Amino acid sequence: MNMIMFMLTSSIILSMALTVLNFWLTQMTPDSEKLSPYECGFDPLGSARLPFSIRFFLVAILFLLFDLEIALLLPLPWATQLEHPTVTLTWASTIILLLTLGLIYEWTQGGLEWAE
């Protein structure tokens, strides 16, 4: 119990010390090159501070959702170690069918269209 308390206390003290050290050592006044949109020496042709496209953000989020669903749910039938391969195939097919239906729903709702 004493060892756990010692490790907890030392980790809290270490994290607080690193945080204080970070605030103390950082440069508080950045120079003009760091505040410029490009550091390569070329002048930008347009504004570098354009608003972010919501359509691009939605497509990126959809990609992440489908990617995570496949990465997390597809190995599920093999992780449960079912007795028959047909049950495993049924689980995998169900997951892929659900993902496909979700993609079709997004497509029909217009979530994947760039132009309006």
PDB file of N, CA and C in Angstrom:
ATOM      1  N   MET A   1       0.819  -1.194   0.000  1.00  0.00           N
ATOM      2  CA  MET A   1       0.000   0.000   0.000  1.00  0.00           C
ATOM      3  C   MET A   1       0.863   1.259   0.000  1.00  0.00           C
ATOM      4  N   ASN A   2       1.978   1.201   0.768  1.00  0.00           N
ATOM      5  CA  ASN A   2       2.869   2.358   0.814  1.00  0.00           C
ATOM      6  C   ASN A   2       3.518   2.613  -0.535  1.00  0.00           C
ATOM      7  N   MET A   3       3.823   1.552  -1.249  1.00  0.00           N
ATOM      8  CA  MET A   3       4.458   1.695  -2.557  1.00  0.00           C
ATOM      9  C   MET A   3       3.509   2.371  -3.549  1.00  0.00           C
ATOM     10  N   ILE A   4       2.235   2.018  -3.489  1.00  0.00           N
ATOM     11  CA  ILE A   4       1.248   2.615  -4.377  1.00  0.00           C
ATOM     12  C   ILE A   4       1.084   4.094  -4.060  1.00  0.00           C
ATOM     13  N   MET A   5       1.018   4.432  -2.784  1.00  0.00           N
ATOM     14  CA  MET A   5       0.898   5.839  -2.386  1.00  0.00           C
ATOM     15  C   MET A   5       2.133   6.630  -2.812  1.00  0.00           C
ATOM     16  N   PHE A   6       3.306   6.013  -2.675  1.00  0.00           N
ATOM     17  CA  PHE A   6       4.537   6.682  -3.084  1.00  0.00           C
ATOM     18  C   PHE A   6       4.541   6.930  -4.583  1.00  0.00           C
ATOM     19  N   MET A   7       4.138   5.936  -5.370  1.00  0.00           N
ATOM     20  CA  MET A   7       4.111   6.092  -6.827  1.00  0.00           C
ATOM     21  C   MET A   7       3.073   7.144  -7.245  1.00  0.00           C
ATOM     22  N   LEU A   8       1.916   7.137  -6.598  1.00  0.00           N
ATOM     23  CA  LEU A   8       0.882   8.107  -6.917  1.00  0.00           C
ATOM     24  C   LEU A   8       1.343   9.524  -6.577  1.00  0.00           C
ATOM     25  N   THR A   9       1.918   9.693  -5.406  1.00  0.00           N
ATOM     26  CA  THR A   9       2.405  11.009  -4.986  1.00  0.00           C
ATOM     27  C   THR A   9       3.531  11.498  -5.879  1.00  0.00           C
ATOM     28  N   SER A  10       4.468  10.606  -6.188  1.00  0.00           N
ATOM     29  CA  SER A  10       5.587  11.024  -7.033  1.00  0.00           C
ATOM     30  C   SER A  10       5.131  11.347  -8.453  1.00  0.00           C
ATOM     31  N   SER A  11       4.145  10.642  -8.980  1.00  0.00           N
ATOM     32  CA  SER A  11       3.657  10.955 -10.326  1.00  0.00           C
ATOM     33  C   SER A  11       2.912  12.292 -10.343  1.00  0.00           C
ATOM     34  N   ILE A  12       2.164  12.590  -9.280  1.00  0.00           N
ATOM     35  CA  ILE A  12       1.474  13.882  -9.200  1.00  0.00           C
ATOM     36  C   ILE A  12       2.485  15.017  -9.090  1.00  0.00           C
ATOM     37  N   ILE A  13       3.498  14.842  -8.241  1.00  0.00           N
ATOM     38  CA  ILE A  13       4.527  15.878  -8.083  1.00  0.00           C
ATOM     39  C   ILE A  13       5.298  16.062  -9.382  1.00  0.00           C
ATOM     40  N   LEU A  14       5.640  14.973 -10.059  1.00  0.00           N
ATOM     41  CA  LEU A  14       6.373  15.059 -11.319  1.00  0.00           C
ATOM     42  C   LEU A  14       5.550  15.761 -12.400  1.00  0.00           C
ATOM     43  N   SER A  15       4.268  15.439 -12.504  1.00  0.00           N
ATOM     44  CA  SER A  15       3.430  16.086 -13.522  1.00  0.00           C
ATOM     45  C   SER A  15       3.242  17.565 -13.220  1.00  0.00           C
ATOM     46  N   MET A  16       3.090  17.928 -11.953  1.00  0.00           N
ATOM     47  CA  MET A  16       2.970  19.343 -11.607  1.00  0.00           C
ATOM     48  C   MET A  16       4.276  20.084 -11.888  1.00  0.00           C
ATOM     49  N   ALA A  17       5.406  19.461 -11.581  1.00  0.00           N
ATOM     50  CA  ALA A  17       6.701  20.099 -11.833  1.00  0.00           C
ATOM     51  C   ALA A  17       6.930  20.290 -13.327  1.00  0.00           C
ATOM     52  N   LEU A  18       6.574  19.315 -14.138  1.00  0.00           N
ATOM     53  CA  LEU A  18       6.736  19.449 -15.588  1.00  0.00           C
ATOM     54  C   LEU A  18       5.812  20.514 -16.159  1.00  0.00           C
ATOM     55  N   THR A  19       4.604  20.634 -15.619  1.00  0.00           N
ATOM     56  CA  THR A  19       3.678  21.664 -16.084  1.00  0.00           C
ATOM     57  C   THR A  19       4.203  23.055 -15.756  1.00  0.00           C
ATOM     58  N   VAL A  20       4.680  23.237 -14.526  1.00  0.00           N
ATOM     59  CA  VAL A  20       5.237  24.534 -14.133  1.00  0.00           C
ATOM     60  C   VAL A  20       6.475  24.849 -14.953  1.00  0.00           C
ATOM     61  N   LEU A  21       7.319  23.870 -15.179  1.00  0.00           N
ATOM     62  CA  LEU A  21       8.518  24.059 -15.981  1.00  0.00           C
ATOM     63  C   LEU A  21       8.172  24.425 -17.425  1.00  0.00           C
ATOM     64  N   ASN A  22       7.120  23.836 -17.953  1.00  0.00           N
ATOM     65  CA  ASN A  22       6.689  24.146 -19.311  1.00  0.00           C
ATOM     66  C   ASN A  22       6.243  25.597 -19.418  1.00  0.00           C
ATOM     67  N   PHE A  23       5.444  26.065 -18.464  1.00  0.00           N
ATOM     68  CA  PHE A  23       5.003  27.459 -18.492  1.00  0.00           C
ATOM     69  C   PHE A  23       6.158  28.427 -18.275  1.00  0.00           C
ATOM     70  N   TRP A  24       7.123  28.031 -17.510  1.00  0.00           N
ATOM     71  CA  TRP A  24       8.244  28.900 -17.192  1.00  0.00           C
ATOM     72  C   TRP A  24       9.221  29.019 -18.353  1.00  0.00           C
ATOM     73  N   LEU A  25       9.457  27.915 -19.091  1.00  0.00           N
ATOM     74  CA  LEU A  25      10.455  27.899 -20.141  1.00  0.00           C
ATOM     75  C   LEU A  25       9.940  28.285 -21.520  1.00  0.00           C
ATOM     76  N   THR A  26       8.636  28.336 -21.708  1.00  0.00           N
ATOM     77  CA  THR A  26       8.120  28.643 -23.051  1.00  0.00           C
ATOM     78  C   THR A  26       8.364  30.093 -23.413  1.00  0.00           C
ATOM     79  N   GLN A  27       8.435  30.321 -24.699  1.00  0.00           N
ATOM     80  CA  GLN A  27       8.643  31.666 -25.207  1.00  0.00           C
ATOM     81  C   GLN A  27       7.284  32.370 -25.235  1.00  0.00           C
ATOM     82  N   MET A  28       7.172  33.448 -24.498  1.00  0.00           N
ATOM     83  CA  MET A  28       5.885  34.121 -24.366  1.00  0.00           C
ATOM     84  C   MET A  28       5.591  35.078 -25.522  1.00  0.00           C
ATOM     85  N   THR A  29       6.603  35.572 -26.216  1.00  0.00           N
ATOM     86  CA  THR A  29       6.389  36.494 -27.330  1.00  0.00           C
ATOM     87  C   THR A  29       6.915  35.860 -28.620  1.00  0.00           C
ATOM     88  N   PRO A  30       6.031  35.222 -29.397  1.00  0.00           N
ATOM     89  CA  PRO A  30       6.495  34.618 -30.648  1.00  0.00           C
ATOM     90  C   PRO A  30       6.883  35.692 -31.660  1.00  0.00           C
ATOM     91  N   ASP A  31       7.846  35.378 -32.504  1.00  0.00           N
ATOM     92  CA  ASP A  31       8.306  36.345 -33.491  1.00  0.00           C
ATOM     93  C   ASP A  31       7.364  36.397 -34.696  1.00  0.00           C
ATOM     94  N   SER A  32       7.612  37.332 -35.599  1.00  0.00           N
ATOM     95  CA  SER A  32       6.705  37.543 -36.726  1.00  0.00           C
ATOM     96  C   SER A  32       6.716  36.381 -37.703  1.00  0.00           C
ATOM     97  N   GLU A  33       7.842  35.670 -37.826  1.00  0.00           N
ATOM     98  CA  GLU A  33       7.878  34.518 -38.732  1.00  0.00           C
ATOM     99  C   GLU A  33       6.959  33.402 -38.252  1.00  0.00           C
ATOM    100  N   LYS A  34       6.894  33.204 -36.945  1.00  0.00           N
ATOM    101  CA  LYS A  34       6.012  32.165 -36.425  1.00  0.00           C
ATOM    102  C   LYS A  34       4.547  32.542 -36.553  1.00  0.00           C
ATOM    103  N   LEU A  35       4.256  33.831 -36.563  1.00  0.00           N
ATOM    104  CA  LEU A  35       2.873  34.269 -36.703  1.00  0.00           C
ATOM    105  C   LEU A  35       2.428  34.360 -38.154  1.00  0.00           C
ATOM    106  N   SER A  36       3.361  34.277 -39.100  1.00  0.00           N
ATOM    107  CA  SER A  36       2.994  34.341 -40.514  1.00  0.00           C
ATOM    108  C   SER A  36       2.391  33.011 -40.948  1.00  0.00           C
ATOM    109  N   PRO A  37       1.552  33.019 -42.005  1.00  0.00           N
ATOM    110  CA  PRO A  37       0.890  31.783 -42.409  1.00  0.00           C
ATOM    111  C   PRO A  37       1.843  30.747 -42.983  1.00  0.00           C
ATOM    112  N   TYR A  38       2.942  31.170 -43.589  1.00  0.00           N
ATOM    113  CA  TYR A  38       3.884  30.233 -44.184  1.00  0.00           C
ATOM    114  C   TYR A  38       5.286  30.568 -43.693  1.00  0.00           C
ATOM    115  N   GLU A  39       6.058  29.549 -43.421  1.00  0.00           N
ATOM    116  CA  GLU A  39       7.423  29.755 -42.960  1.00  0.00           C
ATOM    117  C   GLU A  39       8.444  29.444 -44.043  1.00  0.00           C
ATOM    118  N   CYS A  40       8.001  29.228 -45.279  1.00  0.00           N
ATOM    119  CA  CYS A  40       8.916  28.823 -46.342  1.00  0.00           C
ATOM    120  C   CYS A  40       9.539  30.000 -47.071  1.00  0.00           C
ATOM    121  N   GLY A  41       9.087  31.215 -46.821  1.00  0.00           N
ATOM    122  CA  GLY A  41       9.650  32.374 -47.486  1.00  0.00           C
ATOM    123  C   GLY A  41       8.815  32.893 -48.630  1.00  0.00           C
ATOM    124  N   PHE A  42       7.847  32.138 -49.091  1.00  0.00           N
ATOM    125  CA  PHE A  42       6.987  32.584 -50.179  1.00  0.00           C
ATOM    126  C   PHE A  42       5.806  33.358 -49.619  1.00  0.00           C
ATOM    127  N   ASP A  43       5.393  34.391 -50.310  1.00  0.00           N
ATOM    128  CA  ASP A  43       4.199  35.121 -49.916  1.00  0.00           C
ATOM    129  C   ASP A  43       2.967  34.327 -50.348  1.00  0.00           C
ATOM    130  N   PRO A  44       1.975  34.216 -49.492  1.00  0.00           N
ATOM    131  CA  PRO A  44       0.773  33.468 -49.874  1.00  0.00           C
ATOM    132  C   PRO A  44      -0.019  34.216 -50.936  1.00  0.00           C
ATOM    133  N   LEU A  45      -0.641  33.447 -51.848  1.00  0.00           N
ATOM    134  CA  LEU A  45      -1.437  34.052 -52.919  1.00  0.00           C
ATOM    135  C   LEU A  45      -2.792  34.524 -52.402  1.00  0.00           C
ATOM    136  N   GLY A  46      -3.363  33.795 -51.506  1.00  0.00           N
ATOM    137  CA  GLY A  46      -4.658  34.156 -50.927  1.00  0.00           C
ATOM    138  C   GLY A  46      -4.549  34.193 -49.420  1.00  0.00           C
ATOM    139  N   SER A  47      -5.670  34.297 -48.781  1.00  0.00           N
ATOM    140  CA  SER A  47      -5.684  34.330 -47.325  1.00  0.00           C
ATOM    141  C   SER A  47      -5.445  32.919 -46.781  1.00  0.00           C
ATOM    142  N   ALA A  48      -4.604  32.819 -45.789  1.00  0.00           N
ATOM    143  CA  ALA A  48      -4.332  31.515 -45.183  1.00  0.00           C
ATOM    144  C   ALA A  48      -5.324  31.196 -44.083  1.00  0.00           C
ATOM    145  N   ARG A  49      -6.124  32.136 -43.713  1.00  0.00           N
ATOM    146  CA  ARG A  49      -7.079  31.963 -42.619  1.00  0.00           C
ATOM    147  C   ARG A  49      -8.510  31.836 -43.150  1.00  0.00           C
ATOM    148  N   LEU A  50      -8.696  30.991 -44.158  1.00  0.00           N
ATOM    149  CA  LEU A  50     -10.021  30.771 -44.718  1.00  0.00           C
ATOM    150  C   LEU A  50     -10.850  29.925 -43.771  1.00  0.00           C
ATOM    151  N   PRO A  51     -12.166  30.090 -43.756  1.00  0.00           N
ATOM    152  CA  PRO A  51     -13.000  29.255 -42.887  1.00  0.00           C
ATOM    153  C   PRO A  51     -12.958  27.796 -43.335  1.00  0.00           C
ATOM    154  N   PHE A  52     -13.090  26.916 -42.383  1.00  0.00           N
ATOM    155  CA  PHE A  52     -13.016  25.483 -42.638  1.00  0.00           C
ATOM    156  C   PHE A  52     -14.319  24.996 -43.255  1.00  0.00           C
ATOM    157  N   SER A  53     -14.218  24.148 -44.265  1.00  0.00           N
ATOM    158  CA  SER A  53     -15.394  23.625 -44.957  1.00  0.00           C
ATOM    159  C   SER A  53     -16.104  22.587 -44.089  1.00  0.00           C
ATOM    160  N   ILE A  54     -17.379  22.826 -43.829  1.00  0.00           N
ATOM    161  CA  ILE A  54     -18.170  21.894 -43.030  1.00  0.00           C
ATOM    162  C   ILE A  54     -18.378  20.582 -43.782  1.00  0.00           C
ATOM    163  N   ARG A  55     -18.545  20.642 -45.096  1.00  0.00           N
ATOM    164  CA  ARG A  55     -18.712  19.419 -45.892  1.00  0.00           C
ATOM    165  C   ARG A  55     -17.498  18.509 -45.753  1.00  0.00           C
ATOM    166  N   PHE A  56     -16.309  19.105 -45.854  1.00  0.00           N
ATOM    167  CA  PHE A  56     -15.091  18.311 -45.701  1.00  0.00           C
ATOM    168  C   PHE A  56     -15.021  17.703 -44.311  1.00  0.00           C
ATOM    169  N   PHE A  57     -15.398  18.471 -43.314  1.00  0.00           N
ATOM    170  CA  PHE A  57     -15.388  17.974 -41.941  1.00  0.00           C
ATOM    171  C   PHE A  57     -16.351  16.800 -41.781  1.00  0.00           C
ATOM    172  N   LEU A  58     -17.554  16.889 -42.355  1.00  0.00           N
ATOM    173  CA  LEU A  58     -18.531  15.804 -42.243  1.00  0.00           C
ATOM    174  C   LEU A  58     -18.058  14.536 -42.948  1.00  0.00           C
ATOM    175  N   VAL A  59     -17.462  14.687 -44.121  1.00  0.00           N
ATOM    176  CA  VAL A  59     -16.948  13.512 -44.827  1.00  0.00           C
ATOM    177  C   VAL A  59     -15.801  12.877 -44.035  1.00  0.00           C
ATOM    178  N   ALA A  60     -14.943  13.697 -43.436  1.00  0.00           N
ATOM    179  CA  ALA A  60     -13.846  13.155 -42.626  1.00  0.00           C
ATOM    180  C   ALA A  60     -14.385  12.414 -41.404  1.00  0.00           C
ATOM    181  N   ILE A  61     -15.410  12.961 -40.766  1.00  0.00           N
ATOM    182  CA  ILE A  61     -16.012  12.285 -39.612  1.00  0.00           C
ATOM    183  C   ILE A  61     -16.676  10.980 -40.033  1.00  0.00           C
ATOM    184  N   LEU A  62     -17.368  10.986 -41.169  1.00  0.00           N
ATOM    185  CA  LEU A  62     -17.979   9.747 -41.667  1.00  0.00           C
ATOM    186  C   LEU A  62     -16.925   8.686 -41.950  1.00  0.00           C
ATOM    187  N   PHE A  63     -15.813   9.109 -42.555  1.00  0.00           N
ATOM    188  CA  PHE A  63     -14.738   8.162 -42.816  1.00  0.00           C
ATOM    189  C   PHE A  63     -14.210   7.574 -41.515  1.00  0.00           C
ATOM    190  N   LEU A  64     -13.995   8.419 -40.524  1.00  0.00           N
ATOM    191  CA  LEU A  64     -13.498   7.922 -39.242  1.00  0.00           C
ATOM    192  C   LEU A  64     -14.490   6.975 -38.588  1.00  0.00           C
ATOM    193  N   LEU A  65     -15.786   7.296 -38.670  1.00  0.00           N
ATOM    194  CA  LEU A  65     -16.790   6.415 -38.075  1.00  0.00           C
ATOM    195  C   LEU A  65     -16.800   5.048 -38.736  1.00  0.00           C
ATOM    196  N   PHE A  66     -16.840   5.024 -40.069  1.00  0.00           N
ATOM    197  CA  PHE A  66     -16.869   3.740 -40.759  1.00  0.00           C
ATOM    198  C   PHE A  66     -15.563   2.982 -40.564  1.00  0.00           C
ATOM    199  N   ASP A  67     -14.459   3.688 -40.536  1.00  0.00           N
ATOM    200  CA  ASP A  67     -13.165   3.049 -40.330  1.00  0.00           C
ATOM    201  C   ASP A  67     -13.083   2.433 -38.944  1.00  0.00           C
ATOM    202  N   LEU A  68     -13.539   3.164 -37.927  1.00  0.00           N
ATOM    203  CA  LEU A  68     -13.508   2.623 -36.565  1.00  0.00           C
ATOM    204  C   LEU A  68     -14.488   1.474 -36.388  1.00  0.00           C
ATOM    205  N   GLU A  69     -15.651   1.576 -37.020  1.00  0.00           N
ATOM    206  CA  GLU A  69     -16.605   0.476 -36.910  1.00  0.00           C
ATOM    207  C   GLU A  69     -16.037  -0.802 -37.516  1.00  0.00           C
ATOM    208  N   ILE A  70     -15.405  -0.674 -38.650  1.00  0.00           N
ATOM    209  CA  ILE A  70     -14.822  -1.864 -39.276  1.00  0.00           C
ATOM    210  C   ILE A  70     -13.679  -2.407 -38.419  1.00  0.00           C
ATOM    211  N   ALA A  71     -12.837  -1.510 -37.933  1.00  0.00           N
ATOM    212  CA  ALA A  71     -11.675  -1.950 -37.157  1.00  0.00           C
ATOM    213  C   ALA A  71     -12.085  -2.582 -35.827  1.00  0.00           C
ATOM    214  N   LEU A  72     -13.164  -2.115 -35.213  1.00  0.00           N
ATOM    215  CA  LEU A  72     -13.560  -2.628 -33.902  1.00  0.00           C
ATOM    216  C   LEU A  72     -14.594  -3.747 -33.966  1.00  0.00           C
ATOM    217  N   LEU A  73     -15.496  -3.689 -34.929  1.00  0.00           N
ATOM    218  CA  LEU A  73     -16.586  -4.657 -34.952  1.00  0.00           C
ATOM    219  C   LEU A  73     -16.316  -5.876 -35.826  1.00  0.00           C
ATOM    220  N   LEU A  74     -15.487  -5.733 -36.840  1.00  0.00           N
ATOM    221  CA  LEU A  74     -15.255  -6.871 -37.723  1.00  0.00           C
ATOM    222  C   LEU A  74     -14.549  -8.036 -37.029  1.00  0.00           C
ATOM    223  N   PRO A  75     -13.570  -7.806 -36.152  1.00  0.00           N
ATOM    224  CA  PRO A  75     -12.958  -8.951 -35.459  1.00  0.00           C
ATOM    225  C   PRO A  75     -13.828  -9.529 -34.343  1.00  0.00           C
ATOM    226  N   LEU A  76     -14.992  -8.934 -34.075  1.00  0.00           N
ATOM    227  CA  LEU A  76     -15.843  -9.410 -32.988  1.00  0.00           C
ATOM    228  C   LEU A  76     -16.247 -10.878 -33.123  1.00  0.00           C
ATOM    229  N   PRO A  77     -16.666 -11.366 -34.285  1.00  0.00           N
ATOM    230  CA  PRO A  77     -17.024 -12.792 -34.363  1.00  0.00           C
ATOM    231  C   PRO A  77     -15.852 -13.724 -34.074  1.00  0.00           C
ATOM    232  N   TRP A  78     -14.656 -13.338 -34.470  1.00  0.00           N
ATOM    233  CA  TRP A  78     -13.504 -14.188 -34.196  1.00  0.00           C
ATOM    234  C   TRP A  78     -13.085 -14.093 -32.730  1.00  0.00           C
ATOM    235  N   ALA A  79     -13.355 -12.970 -32.117  1.00  0.00           N
ATOM    236  CA  ALA A  79     -12.994 -12.807 -30.703  1.00  0.00           C
ATOM    237  C   ALA A  79     -13.916 -13.604 -29.797  1.00  0.00           C
ATOM    238  N   THR A  80     -15.157 -13.832 -30.234  1.00  0.00           N
ATOM    239  CA  THR A  80     -16.087 -14.600 -29.401  1.00  0.00           C
ATOM    240  C   THR A  80     -15.842 -16.101 -29.498  1.00  0.00           C
ATOM    241  N   GLN A  81     -15.036 -16.542 -30.447  1.00  0.00           N
ATOM    242  CA  GLN A  81     -14.654 -17.954 -30.637  1.00  0.00           C
ATOM    243  C   GLN A  81     -15.879 -18.856 -30.705  1.00  0.00           C
ATOM    244  N   LEU A  82     -16.684 -18.620 -31.711  1.00  0.00           N
ATOM    245  CA  LEU A  82     -17.886 -19.415 -31.917  1.00  0.00           C
ATOM    246  C   LEU A  82     -17.524 -20.792 -32.461  1.00  0.00           C
ATOM    247  N   GLU A  83     -18.433 -21.740 -32.261  1.00  0.00           N
ATOM    248  CA  GLU A  83     -18.142 -23.135 -32.607  1.00  0.00           C
ATOM    249  C   GLU A  83     -18.146 -23.389 -34.111  1.00  0.00           C
ATOM    250  N   HIS A  84     -19.099 -22.803 -34.816  1.00  0.00           N
ATOM    251  CA  HIS A  84     -19.274 -23.100 -36.230  1.00  0.00           C
ATOM    252  C   HIS A  84     -18.837 -21.915 -37.086  1.00  0.00           C
ATOM    253  N   PRO A  85     -18.168 -22.202 -38.203  1.00  0.00           N
ATOM    254  CA  PRO A  85     -17.759 -21.107 -39.099  1.00  0.00           C
ATOM    255  C   PRO A  85     -18.939 -20.369 -39.730  1.00  0.00           C
ATOM    256  N   THR A  86     -20.093 -21.038 -39.850  1.00  0.00           N
ATOM    257  CA  THR A  86     -21.251 -20.370 -40.443  1.00  0.00           C
ATOM    258  C   THR A  86     -21.770 -19.259 -39.529  1.00  0.00           C
ATOM    259  N   VAL A  87     -21.677 -19.439 -38.226  1.00  0.00           N
ATOM    260  CA  VAL A  87     -22.107 -18.401 -37.295  1.00  0.00           C
ATOM    261  C   VAL A  87     -21.162 -17.197 -37.396  1.00  0.00           C
ATOM    262  N   THR A  88     -19.865 -17.479 -37.522  1.00  0.00           N
ATOM    263  CA  THR A  88     -18.887 -16.408 -37.682  1.00  0.00           C
ATOM    264  C   THR A  88     -19.140 -15.644 -38.975  1.00  0.00           C
ATOM    265  N   LEU A  89     -19.410 -16.349 -40.056  1.00  0.00           N
ATOM    266  CA  LEU A  89     -19.709 -15.718 -41.337  1.00  0.00           C
ATOM    267  C   LEU A  89     -20.992 -14.893 -41.255  1.00  0.00           C
ATOM    268  N   THR A  90     -21.984 -15.393 -40.529  1.00  0.00           N
ATOM    269  CA  THR A  90     -23.236 -14.655 -40.353  1.00  0.00           C
ATOM    270  C   THR A  90     -22.999 -13.357 -39.602  1.00  0.00           C
ATOM    271  N   TRP A  91     -22.208 -13.406 -38.517  1.00  0.00           N
ATOM    272  CA  TRP A  91     -21.890 -12.189 -37.751  1.00  0.00           C
ATOM    273  C   TRP A  91     -21.149 -11.177 -38.621  1.00  0.00           C
ATOM    274  N   ALA A  92     -20.145 -11.636 -39.345  1.00  0.00           N
ATOM    275  CA  ALA A  92     -19.360 -10.726 -40.190  1.00  0.00           C
ATOM    276  C   ALA A  92     -20.234 -10.129 -41.288  1.00  0.00           C
ATOM    277  N   SER A  93     -21.088 -10.939 -41.890  1.00  0.00           N
ATOM    278  CA  SER A  93     -21.972 -10.440 -42.946  1.00  0.00           C
ATOM    279  C   SER A  93     -22.976  -9.439 -42.388  1.00  0.00           C
ATOM    280  N   THR A  94     -23.465  -9.667 -41.192  1.00  0.00           N
ATOM    281  CA  THR A  94     -24.404  -8.736 -40.562  1.00  0.00           C
ATOM    282  C   THR A  94     -23.746  -7.392 -40.305  1.00  0.00           C
ATOM    283  N   ILE A  95     -22.520  -7.414 -39.818  1.00  0.00           N
ATOM    284  CA  ILE A  95     -21.812  -6.159 -39.547  1.00  0.00           C
ATOM    285  C   ILE A  95     -21.564  -5.395 -40.840  1.00  0.00           C
ATOM    286  N   ILE A  96     -21.121  -6.090 -41.874  1.00  0.00           N
ATOM    287  CA  ILE A  96     -20.867  -5.418 -43.149  1.00  0.00           C
ATOM    288  C   ILE A  96     -22.169  -4.921 -43.772  1.00  0.00           C
ATOM    289  N   LEU A  97     -23.251  -5.659 -43.607  1.00  0.00           N
ATOM    290  CA  LEU A  97     -24.552  -5.217 -44.104  1.00  0.00           C
ATOM    291  C   LEU A  97     -25.006  -3.954 -43.381  1.00  0.00           C
ATOM    292  N   LEU A  98     -24.826  -3.897 -42.061  1.00  0.00           N
ATOM    293  CA  LEU A  98     -25.193  -2.694 -41.313  1.00  0.00           C
ATOM    294  C   LEU A  98     -24.368  -1.486 -41.750  1.00  0.00           C
ATOM    295  N   LEU A  99     -23.078  -1.693 -41.965  1.00  0.00           N
ATOM    296  CA  LEU A  99     -22.233  -0.599 -42.438  1.00  0.00           C
ATOM    297  C   LEU A  99     -22.654  -0.126 -43.826  1.00  0.00           C
ATOM    298  N   THR A 100     -22.998  -1.067 -44.693  1.00  0.00           N
ATOM    299  CA  THR A 100     -23.439  -0.714 -46.040  1.00  0.00           C
ATOM    300  C   THR A 100     -24.769   0.029 -46.004  1.00  0.00           C
ATOM    301  N   LEU A 101     -25.689  -0.398 -45.157  1.00  0.00           N
ATOM    302  CA  LEU A 101     -26.967   0.306 -45.037  1.00  0.00           C
ATOM    303  C   LEU A 101     -26.771   1.722 -44.498  1.00  0.00           C
ATOM    304  N   GLY A 102     -25.855   1.898 -43.551  1.00  0.00           N
ATOM    305  CA  GLY A 102     -25.552   3.238 -43.047  1.00  0.00           C
ATOM    306  C   GLY A 102     -24.963   4.128 -44.117  1.00  0.00           C
ATOM    307  N   LEU A 103     -24.089   3.575 -44.946  1.00  0.00           N
ATOM    308  CA  LEU A 103     -23.510   4.342 -46.045  1.00  0.00           C
ATOM    309  C   LEU A 103     -24.564   4.728 -47.071  1.00  0.00           C
ATOM    310  N   ILE A 104     -25.459   3.801 -47.404  1.00  0.00           N
ATOM    311  CA  ILE A 104     -26.540   4.098 -48.353  1.00  0.00           C
ATOM    312  C   ILE A 104     -27.467   5.175 -47.788  1.00  0.00           C
ATOM    313  N   TYR A 105     -27.748   5.112 -46.495  1.00  0.00           N
ATOM    314  CA  TYR A 105     -28.593   6.130 -45.867  1.00  0.00           C
ATOM    315  C   TYR A 105     -27.945   7.507 -45.952  1.00  0.00           C
ATOM    316  N   GLU A 106     -26.653   7.589 -45.651  1.00  0.00           N
ATOM    317  CA  GLU A 106     -25.946   8.871 -45.750  1.00  0.00           C
ATOM    318  C   GLU A 106     -25.928   9.377 -47.191  1.00  0.00           C
ATOM    319  N   TRP A 107     -25.770   8.469 -48.125  1.00  0.00           N
ATOM    320  CA  TRP A 107     -25.736   8.846 -49.533  1.00  0.00           C
ATOM    321  C   TRP A 107     -27.093   9.407 -49.977  1.00  0.00           C
ATOM    322  N   THR A 108     -28.189   8.728 -49.575  1.00  0.00           N
ATOM    323  CA  THR A 108     -29.517   9.196 -49.980  1.00  0.00           C
ATOM    324  C   THR A 108     -29.911  10.486 -49.279  1.00  0.00           C
ATOM    325  N   GLN A 109     -29.398  10.736 -48.090  1.00  0.00           N
ATOM    326  CA  GLN A 109     -29.698  11.976 -47.373  1.00  0.00           C
ATOM    327  C   GLN A 109     -28.874  13.152 -47.874  1.00  0.00           C
ATOM    328  N   GLY A 110     -27.895  12.890 -48.750  1.00  0.00           N
ATOM    329  CA  GLY A 110     -27.083  13.965 -49.323  1.00  0.00           C
ATOM    330  C   GLY A 110     -25.891  14.340 -48.476  1.00  0.00           C
ATOM    331  N   GLY A 111     -25.500  13.503 -47.564  1.00  0.00           N
ATOM    332  CA  GLY A 111     -24.366  13.814 -46.709  1.00  0.00           C
ATOM    333  C   GLY A 111     -23.024  13.700 -47.387  1.00  0.00           C
ATOM    334  N   LEU A 112     -22.977  13.063 -48.551  1.00  0.00           N
ATOM    335  CA  LEU A 112     -21.707  12.863 -49.243  1.00  0.00           C
ATOM    336  C   LEU A 112     -21.569  13.756 -50.470  1.00  0.00           C
ATOM    337  N   GLU A 113     -22.489  14.676 -50.687  1.00  0.00           N
ATOM    338  CA  GLU A 113     -22.433  15.542 -51.858  1.00  0.00           C
ATOM    339  C   GLU A 113     -21.644  16.799 -51.535  1.00  0.00           C
ATOM    340  N   TRP A 114     -20.743  17.171 -52.437  1.00  0.00           N
ATOM    341  CA  TRP A 114     -19.916  18.352 -52.236  1.00  0.00           C
ATOM    342  C   TRP A 114     -20.642  19.608 -52.660  1.00  0.00           C
ATOM    343  N   ALA A 115     -21.272  19.584 -53.819  1.00  0.00           N
ATOM    344  CA  ALA A 115     -21.949  20.777 -54.334  1.00  0.00           C
ATOM    345  C   ALA A 115     -23.405  20.764 -53.893  1.00  0.00           C
ATOM    346  N   GLU A 116     -23.945  21.966 -53.712  1.00  0.00           N
ATOM    347  CA  GLU A 116     -25.338  22.025 -53.270  1.00  0.00           C
ATOM    348  C   GLU A 116     -26.250  22.478 -54.367  1.00  0.00           C
TER     349      GLU A 116
END
